[in-house]
Amino acid sequence: MPKCLTTSTEANIIVRSTIDLAHNLGLSVCAEGVEDTEALAQLMAFGAETAQGYLFARPMPADDFIRMVQQPPDFTNLEGNT
């Protein structure tokens, strides 16, 4: 998620409108490319139900992913993952 999400009025309007459109069509929203907690908070405030991105995990081999989901990491310090 571009840093402009937390600083640009135009970006906020586009993102919020896109989330509203998805909800009006009966869809749920997964925000992609979330890299920091500020963007995550903004997206959740706009109504995104879920999120994914470098904030949570970097790309990894399938075996590492399986281990991660079998024993999820502690996300209490998300900024440490950036």
PDB file of N, CA and C in Angstrom:
ATOM      1  N   MET A   1       0.852  -1.171   0.000  1.00  0.00           N
ATOM      2  CA  MET A   1       0.000   0.000   0.000  1.00  0.00           C
ATOM      3  C   MET A   1       0.894   1.228   0.000  1.00  0.00           C
ATOM      4  N   PRO A   2       0.678   2.129  -0.942  1.00  0.00           N
ATOM      5  CA  PRO A   2       1.508   3.324  -1.004  1.00  0.00           C
ATOM      6  C   PRO A   2       1.401   4.166   0.264  1.00  0.00           C
ATOM      7  N   LYS A   3       2.500   4.802   0.628  1.00  0.00           N
ATOM      8  CA  LYS A   3       2.503   5.695   1.793  1.00  0.00           C
ATOM      9  C   LYS A   3       1.492   6.822   1.628  1.00  0.00           C
ATOM     10  N   CYS A   4       1.137   7.142   0.385  1.00  0.00           N
ATOM     11  CA  CYS A   4       0.211   8.242   0.161  1.00  0.00           C
ATOM     12  C   CYS A   4      -1.162   7.974   0.769  1.00  0.00           C
ATOM     13  N   LEU A   5      -1.463   6.716   1.096  1.00  0.00           N
ATOM     14  CA  LEU A   5      -2.753   6.414   1.704  1.00  0.00           C
ATOM     15  C   LEU A   5      -2.939   7.199   2.997  1.00  0.00           C
ATOM     16  N   THR A   6      -1.887   7.380   3.737  1.00  0.00           N
ATOM     17  CA  THR A   6      -2.004   8.086   5.010  1.00  0.00           C
ATOM     18  C   THR A   6      -1.792   9.590   4.880  1.00  0.00           C
ATOM     19  N   THR A   7      -1.451  10.067   3.669  1.00  0.00           N
ATOM     20  CA  THR A   7      -1.185  11.496   3.513  1.00  0.00           C
ATOM     21  C   THR A   7      -1.973  12.158   2.385  1.00  0.00           C
ATOM     22  N   SER A   8      -2.511  11.408   1.454  1.00  0.00           N
ATOM     23  CA  SER A   8      -3.155  11.982   0.278  1.00  0.00           C
ATOM     24  C   SER A   8      -4.677  11.879   0.358  1.00  0.00           C
ATOM     25  N   THR A   9      -5.327  13.025   0.285  1.00  0.00           N
ATOM     26  CA  THR A   9      -6.787  13.050   0.284  1.00  0.00           C
ATOM     27  C   THR A   9      -7.338  12.307  -0.926  1.00  0.00           C
ATOM     28  N   GLU A  10      -6.727  12.500  -2.091  1.00  0.00           N
ATOM     29  CA  GLU A  10      -7.206  11.844  -3.306  1.00  0.00           C
ATOM     30  C   GLU A  10      -7.091  10.320  -3.196  1.00  0.00           C
ATOM     31  N   ALA A  11      -5.975   9.845  -2.669  1.00  0.00           N
ATOM     32  CA  ALA A  11      -5.801   8.399  -2.496  1.00  0.00           C
ATOM     33  C   ALA A  11      -6.838   7.851  -1.532  1.00  0.00           C
ATOM     34  N   ASN A  12      -7.095   8.575  -0.461  1.00  0.00           N
ATOM     35  CA  ASN A  12      -8.113   8.140   0.501  1.00  0.00           C
ATOM     36  C   ASN A  12      -9.485   8.031  -0.148  1.00  0.00           C
ATOM     37  N   ILE A  13      -9.840   8.991  -0.983  1.00  0.00           N
ATOM     38  CA  ILE A  13     -11.137   8.972  -1.660  1.00  0.00           C
ATOM     39  C   ILE A  13     -11.235   7.763  -2.580  1.00  0.00           C
ATOM     40  N   ILE A  14     -10.191   7.486  -3.337  1.00  0.00           N
ATOM     41  CA  ILE A  14     -10.200   6.352  -4.262  1.00  0.00           C
ATOM     42  C   ILE A  14     -10.310   5.036  -3.495  1.00  0.00           C
ATOM     43  N   VAL A  15      -9.510   4.881  -2.453  1.00  0.00           N
ATOM     44  CA  VAL A  15      -9.522   3.627  -1.692  1.00  0.00           C
ATOM     45  C   VAL A  15     -10.863   3.434  -0.995  1.00  0.00           C
ATOM     46  N   ARG A  16     -11.344   4.461  -0.314  1.00  0.00           N
ATOM     47  CA  ARG A  16     -12.629   4.352   0.389  1.00  0.00           C
ATOM     48  C   ARG A  16     -13.757   4.056  -0.605  1.00  0.00           C
ATOM     49  N   SER A  17     -13.753   4.710  -1.760  1.00  0.00           N
ATOM     50  CA  SER A  17     -14.790   4.488  -2.779  1.00  0.00           C
ATOM     51  C   SER A  17     -14.735   3.056  -3.314  1.00  0.00           C
ATOM     52  N   THR A  18     -13.546   2.539  -3.501  1.00  0.00           N
ATOM     53  CA  THR A  18     -13.391   1.168  -3.995  1.00  0.00           C
ATOM     54  C   THR A  18     -13.912   0.169  -2.979  1.00  0.00           C
ATOM     55  N   ILE A  19     -13.597   0.386  -1.706  1.00  0.00           N
ATOM     56  CA  ILE A  19     -14.106  -0.497  -0.651  1.00  0.00           C
ATOM     57  C   ILE A  19     -15.622  -0.400  -0.571  1.00  0.00           C
ATOM     58  N   ASP A  20     -16.164   0.808  -0.628  1.00  0.00           N
ATOM     59  CA  ASP A  20     -17.623   0.985  -0.609  1.00  0.00           C
ATOM     60  C   ASP A  20     -18.281   0.296  -1.801  1.00  0.00           C
ATOM     61  N   LEU A  21     -17.677   0.411  -2.987  1.00  0.00           N
ATOM     62  CA  LEU A  21     -18.218  -0.236  -4.179  1.00  0.00           C
ATOM     63  C   LEU A  21     -18.273  -1.751  -3.983  1.00  0.00           C
ATOM     64  N   ALA A  22     -17.196  -2.315  -3.491  1.00  0.00           N
ATOM     65  CA  ALA A  22     -17.170  -3.767  -3.252  1.00  0.00           C
ATOM     66  C   ALA A  22     -18.269  -4.165  -2.278  1.00  0.00           C
ATOM     67  N   HIS A  23     -18.420  -3.428  -1.199  1.00  0.00           N
ATOM     68  CA  HIS A  23     -19.463  -3.746  -0.222  1.00  0.00           C
ATOM     69  C   HIS A  23     -20.856  -3.611  -0.829  1.00  0.00           C
ATOM     70  N   ASN A  24     -21.062  -2.576  -1.651  1.00  0.00           N
ATOM     71  CA  ASN A  24     -22.360  -2.383  -2.305  1.00  0.00           C
ATOM     72  C   ASN A  24     -22.683  -3.507  -3.282  1.00  0.00           C
ATOM     73  N   LEU A  25     -21.651  -4.187  -3.775  1.00  0.00           N
ATOM     74  CA  LEU A  25     -21.841  -5.335  -4.664  1.00  0.00           C
ATOM     75  C   LEU A  25     -21.926  -6.649  -3.890  1.00  0.00           C
ATOM     76  N   GLY A  26     -21.905  -6.555  -2.558  1.00  0.00           N
ATOM     77  CA  GLY A  26     -22.019  -7.740  -1.729  1.00  0.00           C
ATOM     78  C   GLY A  26     -20.708  -8.501  -1.555  1.00  0.00           C
ATOM     79  N   LEU A  27     -19.592  -7.831  -1.810  1.00  0.00           N
ATOM     80  CA  LEU A  27     -18.284  -8.472  -1.710  1.00  0.00           C
ATOM     81  C   LEU A  27     -17.581  -8.062  -0.429  1.00  0.00           C
ATOM     82  N   SER A  28     -16.677  -8.904   0.025  1.00  0.00           N
ATOM     83  CA  SER A  28     -15.800  -8.511   1.119  1.00  0.00           C
ATOM     84  C   SER A  28     -14.481  -8.036   0.511  1.00  0.00           C
ATOM     85  N   VAL A  29     -13.710  -7.313   1.303  1.00  0.00           N
ATOM     86  CA  VAL A  29     -12.503  -6.672   0.787  1.00  0.00           C
ATOM     87  C   VAL A  29     -11.272  -7.172   1.538  1.00  0.00           C
ATOM     88  N   CYS A  30     -10.282  -7.610   0.767  1.00  0.00           N
ATOM     89  CA  CYS A  30      -8.958  -7.930   1.302  1.00  0.00           C
ATOM     90  C   CYS A  30      -7.991  -6.894   0.741  1.00  0.00           C
ATOM     91  N   ALA A  31      -7.476  -6.041   1.605  1.00  0.00           N
ATOM     92  CA  ALA A  31      -6.507  -5.025   1.188  1.00  0.00           C
ATOM     93  C   ALA A  31      -5.167  -5.708   0.945  1.00  0.00           C
ATOM     94  N   GLU A  32      -4.592  -5.466  -0.211  1.00  0.00           N
ATOM     95  CA  GLU A  32      -3.317  -6.088  -0.572  1.00  0.00           C
ATOM     96  C   GLU A  32      -2.194  -5.065  -0.540  1.00  0.00           C
ATOM     97  N   GLY A  33      -0.993  -5.544  -0.255  1.00  0.00           N
ATOM     98  CA  GLY A  33       0.178  -4.684  -0.269  1.00  0.00           C
ATOM     99  C   GLY A  33       0.347  -3.849   0.986  1.00  0.00           C
ATOM    100  N   VAL A  34      -0.224  -4.287   2.095  1.00  0.00           N
ATOM    101  CA  VAL A  34      -0.127  -3.530   3.345  1.00  0.00           C
ATOM    102  C   VAL A  34       1.283  -3.685   3.909  1.00  0.00           C
ATOM    103  N   GLU A  35       1.958  -2.563   4.109  1.00  0.00           N
ATOM    104  CA  GLU A  35       3.345  -2.593   4.557  1.00  0.00           C
ATOM    105  C   GLU A  35       3.574  -1.990   5.928  1.00  0.00           C
ATOM    106  N   ASP A  36       2.609  -1.240   6.474  1.00  0.00           N
ATOM    107  CA  ASP A  36       2.821  -0.655   7.796  1.00  0.00           C
ATOM    108  C   ASP A  36       1.495  -0.565   8.550  1.00  0.00           C
ATOM    109  N   THR A  37       1.614  -0.369   9.858  1.00  0.00           N
ATOM    110  CA  THR A  37       0.417  -0.364  10.704  1.00  0.00           C
ATOM    111  C   THR A  37      -0.475   0.842  10.456  1.00  0.00           C
ATOM    112  N   GLU A  38       0.105   1.960  10.007  1.00  0.00           N
ATOM    113  CA  GLU A  38      -0.724   3.132   9.694  1.00  0.00           C
ATOM    114  C   GLU A  38      -1.669   2.823   8.545  1.00  0.00           C
ATOM    115  N   ALA A  39      -1.145   2.221   7.490  1.00  0.00           N
ATOM    116  CA  ALA A  39      -1.990   1.863   6.347  1.00  0.00           C
ATOM    117  C   ALA A  39      -3.027   0.826   6.759  1.00  0.00           C
ATOM    118  N   LEU A  40      -2.631  -0.153   7.579  1.00  0.00           N
ATOM    119  CA  LEU A  40      -3.576  -1.168   8.041  1.00  0.00           C
ATOM    120  C   LEU A  40      -4.719  -0.521   8.817  1.00  0.00           C
ATOM    121  N   ALA A  41      -4.397   0.382   9.724  1.00  0.00           N
ATOM    122  CA  ALA A  41      -5.438   1.055  10.508  1.00  0.00           C
ATOM    123  C   ALA A  41      -6.378   1.842   9.609  1.00  0.00           C
ATOM    124  N   GLN A  42      -5.829   2.539   8.623  1.00  0.00           N
ATOM    125  CA  GLN A  42      -6.658   3.325   7.705  1.00  0.00           C
ATOM    126  C   GLN A  42      -7.579   2.417   6.895  1.00  0.00           C
ATOM    127  N   LEU A  43      -7.038   1.329   6.373  1.00  0.00           N
ATOM    128  CA  LEU A  43      -7.835   0.402   5.567  1.00  0.00           C
ATOM    129  C   LEU A  43      -8.929  -0.254   6.388  1.00  0.00           C
ATOM    130  N   MET A  44      -8.632  -0.619   7.626  1.00  0.00           N
ATOM    131  CA  MET A  44      -9.652  -1.211   8.495  1.00  0.00           C
ATOM    132  C   MET A  44     -10.730  -0.168   8.820  1.00  0.00           C
ATOM    133  N   ALA A  45     -10.319   1.093   9.024  1.00  0.00           N
ATOM    134  CA  ALA A  45     -11.290   2.161   9.279  1.00  0.00           C
ATOM    135  C   ALA A  45     -12.191   2.370   8.067  1.00  0.00           C
ATOM    136  N   PHE A  46     -11.660   2.161   6.867  1.00  0.00           N
ATOM    137  CA  PHE A  46     -12.455   2.282   5.647  1.00  0.00           C
ATOM    138  C   PHE A  46     -13.378   1.086   5.447  1.00  0.00           C
ATOM    139  N   GLY A  47     -13.154  -0.003   6.197  1.00  0.00           N
ATOM    140  CA  GLY A  47     -14.049  -1.150   6.106  1.00  0.00           C
ATOM    141  C   GLY A  47     -13.474  -2.396   5.479  1.00  0.00           C
ATOM    142  N   ALA A  48     -12.183  -2.418   5.170  1.00  0.00           N
ATOM    143  CA  ALA A  48     -11.580  -3.644   4.637  1.00  0.00           C
ATOM    144  C   ALA A  48     -11.657  -4.720   5.721  1.00  0.00           C
ATOM    145  N   GLU A  49     -12.123  -5.907   5.343  1.00  0.00           N
ATOM    146  CA  GLU A  49     -12.293  -6.977   6.322  1.00  0.00           C
ATOM    147  C   GLU A  49     -10.986  -7.708   6.640  1.00  0.00           C
ATOM    148  N   THR A  50     -10.130  -7.836   5.654  1.00  0.00           N
ATOM    149  CA  THR A  50      -8.861  -8.530   5.844  1.00  0.00           C
ATOM    150  C   THR A  50      -7.764  -7.770   5.108  1.00  0.00           C
ATOM    151  N   ALA A  51      -6.527  -8.171   5.374  1.00  0.00           N
ATOM    152  CA  ALA A  51      -5.391  -7.514   4.714  1.00  0.00           C
ATOM    153  C   ALA A  51      -4.260  -8.517   4.565  1.00  0.00           C
ATOM    154  N   GLN A  52      -3.412  -8.243   3.586  1.00  0.00           N
ATOM    155  CA  GLN A  52      -2.208  -9.042   3.400  1.00  0.00           C
ATOM    156  C   GLN A  52      -1.101  -8.127   2.908  1.00  0.00           C
ATOM    157  N   GLY A  53       0.127  -8.558   3.096  1.00  0.00           N
ATOM    158  CA  GLY A  53       1.249  -7.758   2.630  1.00  0.00           C
ATOM    159  C   GLY A  53       2.481  -7.998   3.472  1.00  0.00           C
ATOM    160  N   TYR A  54       3.537  -7.247   3.167  1.00  0.00           N
ATOM    161  CA  TYR A  54       4.823  -7.400   3.845  1.00  0.00           C
ATOM    162  C   TYR A  54       4.718  -7.158   5.351  1.00  0.00           C
ATOM    163  N   LEU A  55       3.724  -6.413   5.786  1.00  0.00           N
ATOM    164  CA  LEU A  55       3.545  -6.190   7.218  1.00  0.00           C
ATOM    165  C   LEU A  55       3.421  -7.519   7.956  1.00  0.00           C
ATOM    166  N   PHE A  56       2.785  -8.476   7.319  1.00  0.00           N
ATOM    167  CA  PHE A  56       2.517  -9.768   7.960  1.00  0.00           C
ATOM    168  C   PHE A  56       3.578 -10.815   7.635  1.00  0.00           C
ATOM    169  N   ALA A  57       4.021 -10.869   6.393  1.00  0.00           N
ATOM    170  CA  ALA A  57       5.033 -11.849   5.990  1.00  0.00           C
ATOM    171  C   ALA A  57       5.551 -11.518   4.603  1.00  0.00           C
ATOM    172  N   ARG A  58       6.797 -11.834   4.373  1.00  0.00           N
ATOM    173  CA  ARG A  58       7.416 -11.699   3.051  1.00  0.00           C
ATOM    174  C   ARG A  58       7.119 -12.962   2.251  1.00  0.00           C
ATOM    175  N   PRO A  59       7.276 -12.928   0.934  1.00  0.00           N
ATOM    176  CA  PRO A  59       7.125 -14.157   0.148  1.00  0.00           C
ATOM    177  C   PRO A  59       8.050 -15.242   0.707  1.00  0.00           C
ATOM    178  N   MET A  60       7.561 -16.484   0.670  1.00  0.00           N
ATOM    179  CA  MET A  60       8.328 -17.582   1.255  1.00  0.00           C
ATOM    180  C   MET A  60       8.033 -18.885   0.526  1.00  0.00           C
ATOM    181  N   PRO A  61       8.929 -19.853   0.658  1.00  0.00           N
ATOM    182  CA  PRO A  61       8.678 -21.170   0.074  1.00  0.00           C
ATOM    183  C   PRO A  61       7.436 -21.814   0.721  1.00  0.00           C
ATOM    184  N   ALA A  62       6.795 -22.695  -0.015  1.00  0.00           N
ATOM    185  CA  ALA A  62       5.560 -23.339   0.448  1.00  0.00           C
ATOM    186  C   ALA A  62       5.748 -24.041   1.789  1.00  0.00           C
ATOM    187  N   ASP A  63       6.867 -24.724   1.982  1.00  0.00           N
ATOM    188  CA  ASP A  63       7.096 -25.428   3.246  1.00  0.00           C
ATOM    189  C   ASP A  63       7.143 -24.458   4.429  1.00  0.00           C
ATOM    190  N   ASP A  64       7.749 -23.297   4.233  1.00  0.00           N
ATOM    191  CA  ASP A  64       7.790 -22.293   5.300  1.00  0.00           C
ATOM    192  C   ASP A  64       6.393 -21.769   5.596  1.00  0.00           C
ATOM    193  N   PHE A  65       5.592 -21.577   4.553  1.00  0.00           N
ATOM    194  CA  PHE A  65       4.221 -21.108   4.743  1.00  0.00           C
ATOM    195  C   PHE A  65       3.414 -22.118   5.547  1.00  0.00           C
ATOM    196  N   ILE A  66       3.548 -23.377   5.218  1.00  0.00           N
ATOM    197  CA  ILE A  66       2.812 -24.424   5.946  1.00  0.00           C
ATOM    198  C   ILE A  66       3.194 -24.392   7.419  1.00  0.00           C
ATOM    199  N   ARG A  67       4.486 -24.276   7.715  1.00  0.00           N
ATOM    200  CA  ARG A  67       4.920 -24.187   9.114  1.00  0.00           C
ATOM    201  C   ARG A  67       4.343 -22.949   9.790  1.00  0.00           C
ATOM    202  N   MET A  68       4.309 -21.828   9.074  1.00  0.00           N
ATOM    203  CA  MET A  68       3.798 -20.593   9.652  1.00  0.00           C
ATOM    204  C   MET A  68       2.319 -20.714  10.021  1.00  0.00           C
ATOM    205  N   VAL A  69       1.513 -21.284   9.132  1.00  0.00           N
ATOM    206  CA  VAL A  69       0.083 -21.360   9.431  1.00  0.00           C
ATOM    207  C   VAL A  69      -0.241 -22.447  10.447  1.00  0.00           C
ATOM    208  N   GLN A  70       0.626 -23.426  10.580  1.00  0.00           N
ATOM    209  CA  GLN A  70       0.413 -24.452  11.598  1.00  0.00           C
ATOM    210  C   GLN A  70       0.731 -23.905  12.989  1.00  0.00           C
ATOM    211  N   GLN A  71       1.657 -22.974  13.072  1.00  0.00           N
ATOM    212  CA  GLN A  71       2.009 -22.336  14.332  1.00  0.00           C
ATOM    213  C   GLN A  71       2.182 -20.847  14.048  1.00  0.00           C
ATOM    214  N   PRO A  72       1.066 -20.105  14.018  1.00  0.00           N
ATOM    215  CA  PRO A  72       1.128 -18.692  13.617  1.00  0.00           C
ATOM    216  C   PRO A  72       2.086 -17.881  14.484  1.00  0.00           C
ATOM    217  N   PRO A  73       2.775 -16.932  13.856  1.00  0.00           N
ATOM    218  CA  PRO A  73       3.678 -16.057  14.602  1.00  0.00           C
ATOM    219  C   PRO A  73       2.895 -15.067  15.458  1.00  0.00           C
ATOM    220  N   ASP A  74       3.578 -14.440  16.376  1.00  0.00           N
ATOM    221  CA  ASP A  74       2.995 -13.414  17.243  1.00  0.00           C
ATOM    222  C   ASP A  74       3.034 -12.087  16.486  1.00  0.00           C
ATOM    223  N   PHE A  75       1.868 -11.557  16.146  1.00  0.00           N
ATOM    224  CA  PHE A  75       1.790 -10.298  15.399  1.00  0.00           C
ATOM    225  C   PHE A  75       1.618  -9.086  16.307  1.00  0.00           C
ATOM    226  N   THR A  76       1.952  -9.208  17.584  1.00  0.00           N
ATOM    227  CA  THR A  76       1.772  -8.069  18.473  1.00  0.00           C
ATOM    228  C   THR A  76       2.748  -6.940  18.174  1.00  0.00           C
ATOM    229  N   ASN A  77       3.858  -7.265  17.532  1.00  0.00           N
ATOM    230  CA  ASN A  77       4.843  -6.252  17.155  1.00  0.00           C
ATOM    231  C   ASN A  77       5.004  -6.238  15.640  1.00  0.00           C
ATOM    232  N   LEU A  78       3.959  -5.830  14.937  1.00  0.00           N
ATOM    233  CA  LEU A  78       3.958  -5.894  13.482  1.00  0.00           C
ATOM    234  C   LEU A  78       5.028  -5.023  12.848  1.00  0.00           C
ATOM    235  N   GLU A  79       5.355  -3.888  13.446  1.00  0.00           N
ATOM    236  CA  GLU A  79       6.353  -2.996  12.849  1.00  0.00           C
ATOM    237  C   GLU A  79       7.710  -3.692  12.736  1.00  0.00           C
ATOM    238  N   GLY A  80       7.973  -4.683  13.576  1.00  0.00           N
ATOM    239  CA  GLY A  80       9.232  -5.394  13.514  1.00  0.00           C
ATOM    240  C   GLY A  80       9.366  -6.238  12.257  1.00  0.00           C
ATOM    241  N   ASN A  81       8.266  -6.439  11.519  1.00  0.00           N
ATOM    242  CA  ASN A  81       8.284  -7.258  10.316  1.00  0.00           C
ATOM    243  C   ASN A  81       8.533  -6.454   9.058  1.00  0.00           C
ATOM    244  N   THR A  82       8.615  -5.158   9.153  1.00  0.00           N
ATOM    245  CA  THR A  82       8.780  -4.349   7.943  1.00  0.00           C
ATOM    246  C   THR A  82      10.204  -4.253   7.529  1.00  0.00           C
TER     247      THR A  82
END
